[in-house]
C-alpha atoms as a PDB file:
ATOM      1  CA  MET A   1       0.003  -0.007   0.000  1.00  0.00           C
ATOM      2  CA  ASP A   2       1.196   3.475  -0.866  1.00  0.00           C
ATOM      3  CA  SER A   3       2.736   5.102   2.237  1.00  0.00           C
ATOM      4  CA  LEU A   4       0.821   8.385   1.812  1.00  0.00           C
ATOM      5  CA  ILE A   5      -2.492   6.550   1.492  1.00  0.00           C
ATOM      6  CA  LYS A   6      -1.716   4.478   4.599  1.00  0.00           C
ATOM      7  CA  LYS A   7      -0.729   7.610   6.526  1.00  0.00           C
ATOM      8  CA  LEU A   8      -3.889   9.413   5.393  1.00  0.00           C
ATOM      9  CA  LYS A   9      -6.061   6.515   6.523  1.00  0.00           C
ATOM     10  CA  GLU A  10      -4.383   6.581   9.941  1.00  0.00           C
ATOM     11  CA  GLU A  11      -4.844  10.360  10.191  1.00  0.00           C
ATOM     12  CA  ILE A  12      -8.497  10.190   9.184  1.00  0.00           C
ATOM     13  CA  ILE A  13      -9.156   7.542  11.828  1.00  0.00           C
ATOM     14  CA  ASP A  14      -7.310   9.610  14.429  1.00  0.00           C
ATOM     15  CA  HIS A  15      -8.714  13.051  13.574  1.00  0.00           C
ATOM     16  CA  LEU A  16     -12.293  11.867  13.202  1.00  0.00           C
ATOM     17  CA  ASN A  17     -12.179   9.518  16.198  1.00  0.00           C
ATOM     18  CA  LEU A  18     -13.297   6.561  14.132  1.00  0.00           C
ATOM     19  CA  GLU A  19     -12.861   4.064  16.913  1.00  0.00           C
ATOM     20  CA  GLY A  20     -12.814   0.432  15.968  1.00  0.00           C
ATOM     21  CA  LEU A  21     -11.513   1.085  12.453  1.00  0.00           C
ATOM     22  CA  THR A  22      -8.063   0.232  11.159  1.00  0.00           C
ATOM     23  CA  PRO A  23      -6.425   1.533   7.972  1.00  0.00           C
ATOM     24  CA  ASP A  24      -7.174  -1.846   6.371  1.00  0.00           C
ATOM     25  CA  ASP A  25     -10.903  -1.293   6.994  1.00  0.00           C
ATOM     26  CA  ILE A  26     -10.897   1.753   4.711  1.00  0.00           C
ATOM     27  CA  ASN A  27     -10.902   1.143   0.973  1.00  0.00           C
ATOM     28  CA  GLU A  28      -9.000   4.052  -0.584  1.00  0.00           C
ATOM     29  CA  LYS A  29     -11.281   3.996  -3.630  1.00  0.00           C
ATOM     30  CA  GLU A  30     -14.593   4.081  -1.697  1.00  0.00           C
ATOM     31  CA  PRO A  31     -16.473   7.342  -1.152  1.00  0.00           C
ATOM     32  CA  LEU A  32     -15.721   9.137   2.099  1.00  0.00           C
ATOM     33  CA  PHE A  33     -19.185  10.677   2.305  1.00  0.00           C
ATOM     34  CA  GLY A  34     -22.610   9.066   2.042  1.00  0.00           C
ATOM     35  CA  GLU A  35     -22.081   5.406   1.294  1.00  0.00           C
ATOM     36  CA  GLY A  36     -18.570   4.108   1.888  1.00  0.00           C
ATOM     37  CA  LEU A  37     -17.147   5.616   5.065  1.00  0.00           C
ATOM     38  CA  GLY A  38     -20.298   7.673   5.707  1.00  0.00           C
ATOM     39  CA  LEU A  39     -18.693  10.938   6.782  1.00  0.00           C
ATOM     40  CA  ASP A  40     -20.734  14.161   7.237  1.00  0.00           C
ATOM     41  CA  SER A  41     -20.204  17.927   6.931  1.00  0.00           C
ATOM     42  CA  ILE A  42     -18.524  18.223  10.347  1.00  0.00           C
ATOM     43  CA  ASP A  43     -16.060  15.552   9.239  1.00  0.00           C
ATOM     44  CA  ALA A  44     -15.402  17.583   6.082  1.00  0.00           C
ATOM     45  CA  LEU A  45     -14.260  20.520   8.225  1.00  0.00           C
ATOM     46  CA  GLU A  46     -11.913  18.206  10.092  1.00  0.00           C
ATOM     47  CA  LEU A  47     -10.451  16.967   6.799  1.00  0.00           C
ATOM     48  CA  ILE A  48      -9.859  20.586   5.683  1.00  0.00           C
ATOM     49  CA  LEU A  49      -7.977  21.200   8.944  1.00  0.00           C
ATOM     50  CA  LEU A  50      -5.993  18.034   8.405  1.00  0.00           C
ATOM     51  CA  LEU A  51      -4.844  19.321   4.996  1.00  0.00           C
ATOM     52  CA  GLU A  52      -3.928  22.732   6.419  1.00  0.00           C
ATOM     53  CA  ARG A  53      -2.102  21.568   9.526  1.00  0.00           C
ATOM     54  CA  GLY A  54      -0.625  18.328   8.288  1.00  0.00           C
ATOM     55  CA  TYR A  55       0.311  19.245   4.736  1.00  0.00           C
ATOM     56  CA  GLY A  56       0.341  23.043   4.510  1.00  0.00           C
ATOM     57  CA  ILE A  57      -2.488  23.007   1.967  1.00  0.00           C
ATOM     58  CA  LYS A  58      -5.136  25.705   2.271  1.00  0.00           C
ATOM     59  CA  LEU A  59      -8.301  25.231   0.241  1.00  0.00           C
ATOM     60  CA  GLU A  60      -8.995  28.519  -1.493  1.00  0.00           C
ATOM     61  CA  ASN A  61     -12.228  27.359  -3.086  1.00  0.00           C
ATOM     62  CA  PRO A  62     -14.554  25.326  -0.869  1.00  0.00           C
ATOM     63  CA  GLN A  63     -16.127  23.823  -3.988  1.00  0.00           C
ATOM     64  CA  GLU A  64     -12.818  22.031  -4.605  1.00  0.00           C
ATOM     65  CA  GLY A  65     -13.424  20.048  -1.427  1.00  0.00           C
ATOM     66  CA  LYS A  66     -16.130  17.934  -3.034  1.00  0.00           C
ATOM     67  CA  LYS A  67     -13.688  16.680  -5.641  1.00  0.00           C
ATOM     68  CA  ILE A  68     -10.689  16.429  -3.313  1.00  0.00           C
ATOM     69  CA  PHE A  69     -12.550  14.513  -0.588  1.00  0.00           C
ATOM     70  CA  THR A  70     -14.192  11.994  -2.910  1.00  0.00           C
ATOM     71  CA  SER A  71     -11.982   9.189  -1.552  1.00  0.00           C
ATOM     72  CA  VAL A  72      -8.700   8.629   0.278  1.00  0.00           C
ATOM     73  CA  GLU A  73      -7.127   8.098  -3.139  1.00  0.00           C
ATOM     74  CA  THR A  74      -8.277  11.522  -4.453  1.00  0.00           C
ATOM     75  CA  MET A  75      -7.037  13.184  -1.246  1.00  0.00           C
ATOM     76  CA  ALA A  76      -3.633  11.550  -1.633  1.00  0.00           C
ATOM     77  CA  GLU A  77      -3.397  12.692  -5.259  1.00  0.00           C
ATOM     78  CA  TYR A  78      -4.309  16.262  -4.324  1.00  0.00           C
ATOM     79  CA  ILE A  79      -1.697  16.270  -1.545  1.00  0.00           C
ATOM     80  CA  ARG A  80       0.988  14.970  -3.931  1.00  0.00           C
ATOM     81  CA  GLN A  81       0.219  17.797  -6.374  1.00  0.00           C
ATOM     82  CA  ASN A  82      -0.101  20.618  -3.831  1.00  0.00           C
ATOM     83  CA  LYS A  83       2.016  19.805  -0.758  1.00  0.00           C
ATOM     84  CA  LYS A  84       4.136  22.754   0.311  1.00  0.00           C
END
């Protein structure tokens, strides 16, 4: 497994207090919101903070978030392209 994807999964579990989940429980291709992991709008704010604090990435356009936070895989790709 890609090290960034594994790290992201661990951070998501930690930041969102997803007790009982392990990185292996999260499919990096599954949706984060709705079906899949089932996150909500509060979780989205936490993910934005994770990008800012953990990777130095500030979302200028909130509409980008929908595309970026589609899955762990799309988050990892965005971080690779924009990490400071």
